[in-house]
Amino acid sequence: MAKKVSDSQVAGIKAHAEARNKATIDKVNKAIDRLKRKKNITINFETVSKEAGVARATLYNNAQLKERILSLRAIAKAGPLDDIVAVKKDRMQLKDEKIAALRLRVQKLEQDKKKLIEQLVDYEELRFENERLKSKLKA
């Protein structure tokens, strides 16, 4: 039989999870600050995860951290600028670029799908032709 969890236990679990999440965010933000101070270090999900000692999935799953890393990465690609916080325009441009890339990928996938359907139709026609020829040989 399953034990019931009391409201106070649930509240305690939630408080603990929130505290761990806040500690992780602080740890990652400090790691990003350290990376920004270092020269010739690219800020991306891998370098931040190694510096902070957290999994990359943690960075991707937390919207605040993900946005900060993406904006810093976009700024780094734009030029050698230090100590700049991402502005809304940079985030919008990054989103627009991602949307354009995703649209291109969708188009390519649709073309691939169409080719696969054509190949499947050809395969079925060949299979039926093979069956017809086998039955003709037996007769």
Protein backbone atom coordinates (compact mmCIF):
# COMPACT_ATOMS: atom_id res chain seq x y z
CA MET A 1 0.00 0.00 0.00
CA ALA A 2 1.31 3.47 -0.88
CA LYS A 3 2.02 5.96 1.88
CA LYS A 4 0.29 9.29 1.77
CA VAL A 5 2.47 12.35 1.70
CA SER A 6 1.39 15.18 3.92
CA ASP A 7 1.10 18.79 2.83
CA SER A 8 4.00 19.77 5.06
CA GLN A 9 6.19 17.10 3.43
CA VAL A 10 5.24 18.34 -0.02
CA ALA A 11 6.02 21.92 1.02
CA GLY A 12 9.39 20.77 2.36
CA ILE A 13 10.20 18.94 -0.86
CA LYS A 14 9.25 21.99 -2.93
CA ALA A 15 11.32 24.31 -0.73
CA HIS A 16 14.32 22.00 -1.04
CA ALA A 17 13.94 21.80 -4.83
CA GLU A 18 13.69 25.59 -5.10
CA ALA A 19 16.78 26.02 -2.92
CA ARG A 20 18.75 23.55 -5.07
CA ASN A 21 17.57 25.31 -8.25
CA LYS A 22 18.63 28.70 -6.90
CA ALA A 23 22.01 27.31 -5.83
CA THR A 24 22.51 25.82 -9.30
CA ILE A 25 21.60 29.11 -10.98
CA ASP A 26 24.04 30.99 -8.73
CA LYS A 27 26.79 28.46 -9.43
CA VAL A 28 26.24 28.74 -13.21
CA ASN A 29 26.12 32.54 -13.13
CA LYS A 30 29.43 32.64 -11.23
CA ALA A 31 30.93 30.23 -13.75
CA ILE A 32 29.77 32.43 -16.63
CA ASP A 33 31.31 35.47 -14.93
CA ARG A 34 34.62 33.60 -14.56
CA LEU A 35 34.53 32.58 -18.23
CA LYS A 36 33.81 36.17 -19.30
CA ARG A 37 36.94 37.33 -17.46
CA LYS A 38 39.12 34.75 -19.18
CA LYS A 39 40.51 35.63 -22.58
CA ASN A 40 40.07 33.38 -25.64
CA ILE A 41 37.36 31.27 -24.00
CA THR A 42 34.19 30.73 -25.98
CA ILE A 43 31.05 30.87 -23.90
CA ASN A 44 28.78 28.03 -24.92
CA PHE A 45 26.81 25.31 -23.20
CA GLU A 46 29.75 22.92 -23.01
CA THR A 47 32.25 25.36 -21.51
CA VAL A 48 29.71 26.69 -19.02
CA SER A 49 28.65 23.19 -17.95
CA LYS A 50 32.27 22.16 -17.39
CA GLU A 51 33.13 25.34 -15.51
CA ALA A 52 30.04 25.14 -13.29
CA GLY A 53 30.12 21.38 -12.86
CA VAL A 54 26.56 20.85 -14.03
CA ALA A 55 25.05 18.86 -16.87
CA ARG A 56 24.35 20.57 -20.17
CA ALA A 57 20.75 19.43 -19.88
CA THR A 58 20.45 21.59 -16.76
CA LEU A 59 21.47 24.63 -18.79
CA TYR A 60 19.10 23.82 -21.64
CA ASN A 61 16.17 23.10 -19.32
CA ASN A 62 16.47 26.35 -17.37
CA ALA A 63 15.06 29.15 -19.56
CA GLN A 64 16.92 31.92 -17.72
CA LEU A 65 20.32 30.25 -18.06
CA LYS A 66 19.68 29.12 -21.62
CA GLU A 67 18.78 32.63 -22.72
CA ARG A 68 21.84 34.13 -21.04
CA ILE A 69 24.22 31.65 -22.66
CA LEU A 70 22.60 32.04 -26.09
CA SER A 71 22.78 35.82 -25.90
CA LEU A 72 26.41 35.78 -24.76
CA ARG A 73 27.26 33.35 -27.53
CA ALA A 74 25.54 35.59 -30.09
CA ILE A 75 27.39 38.63 -28.81
CA ALA A 76 30.70 36.77 -28.98
CA LYS A 77 30.01 35.87 -32.61
CA ALA A 78 29.25 39.51 -33.38
CA GLY A 79 32.64 40.74 -32.24
CA PRO A 80 35.17 40.90 -29.43
CA LEU A 81 33.04 42.76 -26.92
CA ASP A 82 33.57 42.29 -23.20
CA ASP A 83 31.30 43.00 -20.24
CA ILE A 84 28.17 43.48 -22.33
CA VAL A 85 24.81 42.23 -21.24
CA ALA A 86 22.55 41.01 -24.02
CA VAL A 87 19.96 43.49 -25.18
CA LYS A 88 16.51 42.63 -26.43
CA LYS A 89 17.53 43.29 -30.05
CA ASP A 90 20.24 40.63 -29.90
CA ARG A 91 17.79 38.08 -28.54
CA MET A 92 15.26 38.90 -31.24
CA GLN A 93 17.90 38.60 -33.95
CA LEU A 94 19.02 35.27 -32.54
CA LYS A 95 15.42 34.02 -32.53
CA ASP A 96 14.90 35.22 -36.11
CA GLU A 97 18.05 33.40 -37.24
CA LYS A 98 16.95 30.24 -35.48
CA ILE A 99 13.49 30.46 -37.07
CA ALA A 100 15.04 30.88 -40.52
CA ALA A 101 17.33 27.88 -39.94
CA LEU A 102 14.40 25.78 -38.74
CA ARG A 103 12.34 26.74 -41.79
CA LEU A 104 15.16 25.63 -44.06
CA ARG A 105 15.41 22.37 -42.16
CA VAL A 106 11.66 21.79 -42.48
CA GLN A 107 11.88 22.38 -46.24
CA LYS A 108 14.74 19.89 -46.53
CA LEU A 109 12.86 17.33 -44.45
CA GLU A 110 9.77 17.77 -46.63
CA GLN A 111 11.87 17.18 -49.74
CA ASP A 112 13.42 14.09 -48.14
CA LYS A 113 9.95 12.84 -47.22
CA LYS A 114 8.77 13.29 -50.80
CA LYS A 115 11.79 11.35 -52.11
CA LEU A 116 11.19 8.56 -49.62
CA ILE A 117 7.55 8.28 -50.64
CA GLU A 118 8.60 8.06 -54.29
CA GLN A 119 11.13 5.36 -53.41
CA LEU A 120 8.48 3.47 -51.46
CA VAL A 121 6.09 3.58 -54.42
CA ASP A 122 8.88 2.35 -56.72
CA TYR A 123 9.71 -0.41 -54.26
CA GLU A 124 6.10 -1.57 -54.11
CA GLU A 125 5.82 -1.56 -57.90
CA LEU A 126 9.01 -3.61 -58.16
CA ARG A 127 7.77 -6.03 -55.51
CA PHE A 128 4.52 -6.58 -57.36
CA GLU A 129 6.41 -7.02 -60.63
CA ASN A 130 8.69 -9.55 -58.92
CA GLU A 131 5.68 -11.48 -57.60
CA ARG A 132 4.09 -11.46 -61.05
CA LEU A 133 7.26 -12.77 -62.69
CA LYS A 134 7.66 -15.49 -60.03
CA SER A 135 4.14 -16.71 -60.62
CA LYS A 136 4.74 -16.63 -64.41
CA LEU A 137 7.87 -18.76 -63.97
CA LYS A 138 6.01 -21.31 -61.87
CA ALA A 139 3.30 -21.62 -64.53
